[in-house]
Amino acid sequence: MDIVAVYNRSLYAAKGLAAQMGVATLATDDWAQLPKNADLYVLAVADQAIGPVAQQLSAQLGPDVPMAHTSGATPITVLAPFTSRFGGLYPLQSFSNHRPIDFAQIPFCVQASDPTLLNLLRAMAQKMSPQVYELDDAQRAQLH
């Protein structure tokens, strides 16, 4: 996957995450610097921040920007007011900054509003893990 940008409210945190992922990419705390043509914008934020972040992203990039969140407990439809293309990419794993992760051992759940985005999310998840499952909101919340 080509990660083209990492956004965080803290520029320091954005740079740290980009470095941790080992990608030479844009790290920014400025919405206006985000590329306008990425294939997907992944919102890896706290559940209560999904709506506000999606709203800001949509305001900056337009109403058809493809978005996916990583929450297990939040329906993907939380993104529907802000984009026509939305989904979920949920790793069935809690993460911490100080614990190494073997992604090949982590199941991923995917769901999307349209088949094209679902295929993209599935392909993305399969690059990280051989265990990829299509689950709806209710199934994903039950696992969470």
Protein backbone atom coordinates (compact mmCIF):
# COMPACT_ATOMS: atom_id res chain seq x y z
CA MET A 1 0.00 0.00 0.00
CA ASP A 2 1.18 3.48 -0.71
CA ILE A 3 0.40 5.65 2.28
CA VAL A 4 0.43 9.18 0.93
CA ALA A 5 -0.34 11.14 4.09
CA VAL A 6 -0.75 10.87 7.84
CA TYR A 7 -2.91 13.47 9.57
CA ASN A 8 -3.07 14.10 13.30
CA ARG A 9 -4.07 17.11 15.39
CA SER A 10 -0.47 16.99 16.62
CA LEU A 11 2.21 17.38 13.96
CA TYR A 12 4.62 15.59 16.29
CA ALA A 13 2.27 12.58 16.50
CA ALA A 14 1.71 12.59 12.72
CA LYS A 15 5.46 12.52 12.11
CA GLY A 16 5.90 9.80 14.72
CA LEU A 17 3.27 7.57 13.14
CA ALA A 18 4.69 8.05 9.66
CA ALA A 19 8.15 7.14 10.98
CA GLN A 20 6.79 4.14 12.87
CA MET A 21 5.16 2.85 9.68
CA GLY A 22 8.43 3.36 7.84
CA VAL A 23 6.91 5.48 5.10
CA ALA A 24 8.30 8.59 3.51
CA THR A 25 5.03 10.43 3.33
CA LEU A 26 3.40 13.71 4.17
CA ALA A 27 2.84 14.08 7.91
CA THR A 28 0.59 17.01 8.70
CA ASP A 29 -1.70 18.68 11.21
CA ASP A 30 -3.29 20.82 8.47
CA TRP A 31 -6.44 19.53 6.71
CA ALA A 32 -5.66 21.69 3.67
CA GLN A 33 -2.44 19.75 3.03
CA LEU A 34 -4.18 16.40 2.61
CA PRO A 35 -4.01 15.01 -0.93
CA LYS A 36 -7.31 15.35 -2.76
CA ASN A 37 -7.13 12.16 -4.81
CA ALA A 38 -6.30 9.26 -2.48
CA ASP A 39 -8.08 5.96 -3.14
CA LEU A 40 -9.15 5.78 0.50
CA TYR A 41 -9.06 7.85 3.67
CA VAL A 42 -8.87 5.67 6.79
CA LEU A 43 -10.16 7.20 10.01
CA ALA A 44 -8.27 5.45 12.80
CA VAL A 45 -9.66 7.58 15.61
CA ALA A 46 -11.63 7.16 18.84
CA ASP A 47 -15.24 6.15 18.24
CA GLN A 48 -16.62 9.51 19.35
CA ALA A 49 -14.30 11.32 16.92
CA ILE A 50 -15.39 9.43 13.79
CA GLY A 51 -18.29 11.78 12.93
CA PRO A 52 -16.44 15.05 13.56
CA VAL A 53 -13.34 13.88 11.65
CA ALA A 54 -15.48 12.62 8.75
CA GLN A 55 -17.30 15.95 8.66
CA GLN A 56 -14.02 17.89 8.51
CA LEU A 57 -12.57 15.56 5.87
CA SER A 58 -15.69 15.85 3.72
CA ALA A 59 -15.71 19.64 4.07
CA GLN A 60 -12.08 19.73 2.92
CA LEU A 61 -12.18 17.09 0.15
CA GLY A 62 -15.80 16.85 -0.99
CA PRO A 63 -18.85 14.65 -0.46
CA ASP A 64 -17.68 11.65 -2.48
CA VAL A 65 -14.36 11.09 -0.72
CA PRO A 66 -14.02 7.35 0.06
CA MET A 67 -13.73 6.85 3.84
CA ALA A 68 -13.49 3.89 6.17
CA HIS A 69 -13.27 3.82 9.94
CA THR A 70 -11.59 1.18 12.08
CA SER A 71 -14.15 0.88 14.89
CA GLY A 72 -15.66 -2.44 15.84
CA ALA A 73 -18.58 -0.93 17.73
CA THR A 74 -19.61 1.91 15.41
CA PRO A 75 -21.86 1.30 12.38
CA ILE A 76 -20.35 2.32 9.05
CA THR A 77 -23.42 4.46 8.43
CA VAL A 78 -21.98 7.04 10.84
CA LEU A 79 -20.04 8.14 7.74
CA ALA A 80 -23.12 8.36 5.46
CA PRO A 81 -23.92 12.03 6.19
CA PHE A 82 -20.45 13.00 4.96
CA THR A 83 -19.77 10.76 1.95
CA SER A 84 -21.55 8.47 -0.47
CA ARG A 85 -18.66 5.95 -0.29
CA PHE A 86 -18.06 4.59 3.20
CA GLY A 87 -16.94 1.45 4.92
CA GLY A 88 -15.21 -0.23 7.79
CA LEU A 89 -11.81 -1.86 8.12
CA TYR A 90 -11.81 -3.41 11.58
CA PRO A 91 -8.83 -5.36 12.89
CA LEU A 92 -10.03 -7.75 15.58
CA GLN A 93 -7.28 -6.66 17.95
CA SER A 94 -6.62 -3.98 20.54
CA PHE A 95 -3.45 -2.04 19.86
CA SER A 96 -0.98 -0.39 22.20
CA ASN A 97 2.09 1.66 21.41
CA HIS A 98 4.47 -0.64 23.23
CA ARG A 99 3.41 -4.09 22.04
CA PRO A 100 4.66 -5.55 18.74
CA ILE A 101 1.90 -6.77 16.41
CA ASP A 102 1.99 -9.70 14.00
CA PHE A 103 -0.70 -8.61 11.54
CA ALA A 104 -0.73 -12.02 9.86
CA GLN A 105 -2.31 -13.36 13.05
CA ILE A 106 -5.04 -10.70 13.25
CA PRO A 107 -8.41 -11.25 11.58
CA PHE A 108 -9.77 -8.24 9.69
CA CYS A 109 -13.45 -7.48 9.17
CA VAL A 110 -14.51 -5.41 6.16
CA GLN A 111 -17.77 -3.82 5.10
CA ALA A 112 -18.64 -1.11 2.58
CA SER A 113 -21.47 0.84 1.03
CA ASP A 114 -20.59 -0.31 -2.48
CA PRO A 115 -18.85 -3.26 -4.17
CA THR A 116 -15.92 -1.22 -5.49
CA LEU A 117 -15.01 0.09 -2.04
CA LEU A 118 -15.57 -3.36 -0.52
CA ASN A 119 -13.08 -4.85 -3.01
CA LEU A 120 -10.55 -2.14 -2.13
CA LEU A 121 -10.96 -2.75 1.61
CA ARG A 122 -10.72 -6.51 1.14
CA ALA A 123 -7.53 -6.17 -0.94
CA MET A 124 -6.05 -3.79 1.61
CA ALA A 125 -6.84 -6.14 4.51
CA GLN A 126 -5.43 -9.12 2.59
CA LYS A 127 -2.09 -7.31 2.30
CA MET A 128 -1.94 -7.33 6.10
CA SER A 129 -3.54 -10.66 6.99
CA PRO A 130 -4.79 -13.82 5.30
CA GLN A 131 -7.79 -13.75 7.65
CA VAL A 132 -10.33 -11.35 6.09
CA TYR A 133 -14.06 -11.59 6.68
CA GLU A 134 -16.98 -9.57 5.39
CA LEU A 135 -19.24 -8.76 8.35
CA ASP A 136 -22.16 -6.39 8.74
CA ASP A 137 -22.49 -3.85 11.57
CA ALA A 138 -24.37 -6.21 13.89
CA GLN A 139 -21.89 -9.07 13.41
CA ARG A 140 -18.91 -6.78 13.89
CA ALA A 141 -20.39 -5.22 17.05
CA GLN A 142 -21.01 -8.70 18.45
CA LEU A 143 -17.34 -9.59 17.93
CA HIS A 144 -16.23 -6.31 19.43
